[in-house]
C-alpha atoms as a PDB file:
ATOM      1  CA  UNK A   1      -7.901  -1.954  11.464  1.00  0.00           C
ATOM      2  CA  UNK A   2      -6.544  -5.109   9.867  1.00  0.00           C
ATOM      3  CA  UNK A   3      -3.054  -6.401  10.568  1.00  0.00           C
ATOM      4  CA  UNK A   4      -0.079  -6.024   8.228  1.00  0.00           C
ATOM      5  CA  UNK A   5      -0.511  -9.542   6.791  1.00  0.00           C
ATOM      6  CA  UNK A   6      -4.074  -8.786   5.688  1.00  0.00           C
ATOM      7  CA  UNK A   7      -2.924  -5.419   4.322  1.00  0.00           C
ATOM      8  CA  UNK A   8      -0.302  -7.192   2.205  1.00  0.00           C
ATOM      9  CA  UNK A   9      -2.958  -9.604   0.895  1.00  0.00           C
ATOM     10  CA  UNK A  10      -5.060  -6.634  -0.223  1.00  0.00           C
ATOM     11  CA  UNK A  11      -2.077  -5.012  -1.962  1.00  0.00           C
ATOM     12  CA  UNK A  12      -1.210  -8.302  -3.650  1.00  0.00           C
ATOM     13  CA  UNK A  13      -4.709  -8.617  -5.074  1.00  0.00           C
ATOM     14  CA  UNK A  14      -4.928  -4.926  -6.063  1.00  0.00           C
ATOM     15  CA  UNK A  15      -1.677  -5.160  -8.018  1.00  0.00           C
ATOM     16  CA  UNK A  16      -2.333  -8.675  -9.384  1.00  0.00           C
ATOM     17  CA  UNK A  17       1.149  -9.708  -8.258  1.00  0.00           C
ATOM     18  CA  UNK A  18       2.608 -12.954  -9.569  1.00  0.00           C
ATOM     19  CA  UNK A  19       3.046 -15.681  -6.985  1.00  0.00           C
ATOM     20  CA  UNK A  20       6.841 -15.692  -7.361  1.00  0.00           C
ATOM     21  CA  UNK A  21       7.076 -12.130  -5.989  1.00  0.00           C
ATOM     22  CA  UNK A  22       6.495 -12.146  -2.236  1.00  0.00           C
ATOM     23  CA  UNK A  23       5.590  -8.905  -0.495  1.00  0.00           C
ATOM     24  CA  UNK A  24       6.810  -8.334   3.043  1.00  0.00           C
ATOM     25  CA  UNK A  25       6.509  -5.319   5.359  1.00  0.00           C
ATOM     26  CA  UNK A  26      10.052  -4.319   4.330  1.00  0.00           C
ATOM     27  CA  UNK A  27       9.363  -4.506   0.601  1.00  0.00           C
ATOM     28  CA  UNK A  28       9.718  -1.218  -1.216  1.00  0.00           C
ATOM     29  CA  UNK A  29       6.375  -0.847  -2.943  1.00  0.00           C
ATOM     30  CA  UNK A  30       8.184   0.863  -5.817  1.00  0.00           C
ATOM     31  CA  UNK A  31      10.061  -2.417  -6.433  1.00  0.00           C
ATOM     32  CA  UNK A  32       6.824  -4.112  -7.460  1.00  0.00           C
ATOM     33  CA  UNK A  33       7.188  -5.270 -11.064  1.00  0.00           C
ATOM     34  CA  UNK A  34       6.137  -2.648 -13.596  1.00  0.00           C
ATOM     35  CA  UNK A  35       5.608  -0.006 -10.872  1.00  0.00           C
ATOM     36  CA  UNK A  36       4.164   3.210 -12.311  1.00  0.00           C
ATOM     37  CA  UNK A  37       2.278   6.266 -11.188  1.00  0.00           C
ATOM     38  CA  UNK A  38      -0.891   4.272 -11.900  1.00  0.00           C
ATOM     39  CA  UNK A  39       0.026   1.996  -8.990  1.00  0.00           C
ATOM     40  CA  UNK A  40       0.289   5.076  -6.792  1.00  0.00           C
ATOM     41  CA  UNK A  41      -3.244   6.012  -7.796  1.00  0.00           C
ATOM     42  CA  UNK A  42      -4.383   2.477  -7.001  1.00  0.00           C
ATOM     43  CA  UNK A  43      -2.888   2.797  -3.497  1.00  0.00           C
ATOM     44  CA  UNK A  44      -4.609   6.155  -2.980  1.00  0.00           C
ATOM     45  CA  UNK A  45      -7.956   4.731  -4.140  1.00  0.00           C
ATOM     46  CA  UNK A  46      -7.497   1.574  -2.034  1.00  0.00           C
ATOM     47  CA  UNK A  47      -6.797   3.615   1.108  1.00  0.00           C
ATOM     48  CA  UNK A  48     -10.033   5.513   0.519  1.00  0.00           C
ATOM     49  CA  UNK A  49     -12.280   2.620  -0.485  1.00  0.00           C
ATOM     50  CA  UNK A  50     -10.964  -0.071   1.872  1.00  0.00           C
ATOM     51  CA  UNK A  51     -10.121   2.050   4.923  1.00  0.00           C
ATOM     52  CA  UNK A  52     -11.864   5.415   4.511  1.00  0.00           C
ATOM     53  CA  UNK A  53      -8.495   7.186   4.695  1.00  0.00           C
ATOM     54  CA  UNK A  54      -7.174   9.929   2.452  1.00  0.00           C
ATOM     55  CA  UNK A  55      -3.559   9.794   1.391  1.00  0.00           C
ATOM     56  CA  UNK A  56      -1.886  11.943  -1.228  1.00  0.00           C
ATOM     57  CA  UNK A  57       0.803  11.569  -3.839  1.00  0.00           C
ATOM     58  CA  UNK A  58       3.046  13.603  -1.559  1.00  0.00           C
ATOM     59  CA  UNK A  59       2.425  11.077   1.236  1.00  0.00           C
ATOM     60  CA  UNK A  60       3.534   8.279  -1.098  1.00  0.00           C
ATOM     61  CA  UNK A  61       6.672  10.149  -2.130  1.00  0.00           C
ATOM     62  CA  UNK A  62       7.720  10.346   1.532  1.00  0.00           C
ATOM     63  CA  UNK A  63       7.459   6.574   2.040  1.00  0.00           C
ATOM     64  CA  UNK A  64       9.171   3.601   0.527  1.00  0.00           C
ATOM     65  CA  UNK A  65       8.114   0.397   2.296  1.00  0.00           C
ATOM     66  CA  UNK A  66       4.813  -1.383   2.675  1.00  0.00           C
ATOM     67  CA  UNK A  67       5.226  -1.103   6.467  1.00  0.00           C
ATOM     68  CA  UNK A  68       5.464   2.701   6.211  1.00  0.00           C
ATOM     69  CA  UNK A  69       2.359   2.780   4.033  1.00  0.00           C
ATOM     70  CA  UNK A  70       0.495   0.529   6.468  1.00  0.00           C
ATOM     71  CA  UNK A  71       1.573   2.680   9.427  1.00  0.00           C
ATOM     72  CA  UNK A  72       0.325   5.859   7.730  1.00  0.00           C
ATOM     73  CA  UNK A  73      -3.050   4.362   6.868  1.00  0.00           C
ATOM     74  CA  UNK A  74      -3.392   2.867  10.350  1.00  0.00           C
ATOM     75  CA  UNK A  75      -2.548   6.167  12.080  1.00  0.00           C
ATOM     76  CA  UNK A  76      -5.010   8.111   9.930  1.00  0.00           C
ATOM     77  CA  UNK A  77      -7.690   5.480  10.498  1.00  0.00           C
ATOM     78  CA  UNK A  78      -7.245   5.856  14.271  1.00  0.00           C
ATOM     79  CA  UNK A  79      -7.672   9.641  14.166  1.00  0.00           C
END
């Protein structure tokens, strides 16, 4: 499994985030500019395609930070 810095790079590219908005592990992913349910679907698809992990909309509703999202994906990857 990649580290949190690499995970953030993947999220940044998936969301096409402007360079003036810096993601950190403590960033609430819902604070990403123009956040919508489509972004949630992108996260779900990314977890599957990049890491072979299934996460659900309910999983996303229970989390708020990028660190929490990373931790969930990492723990499911290790199972």
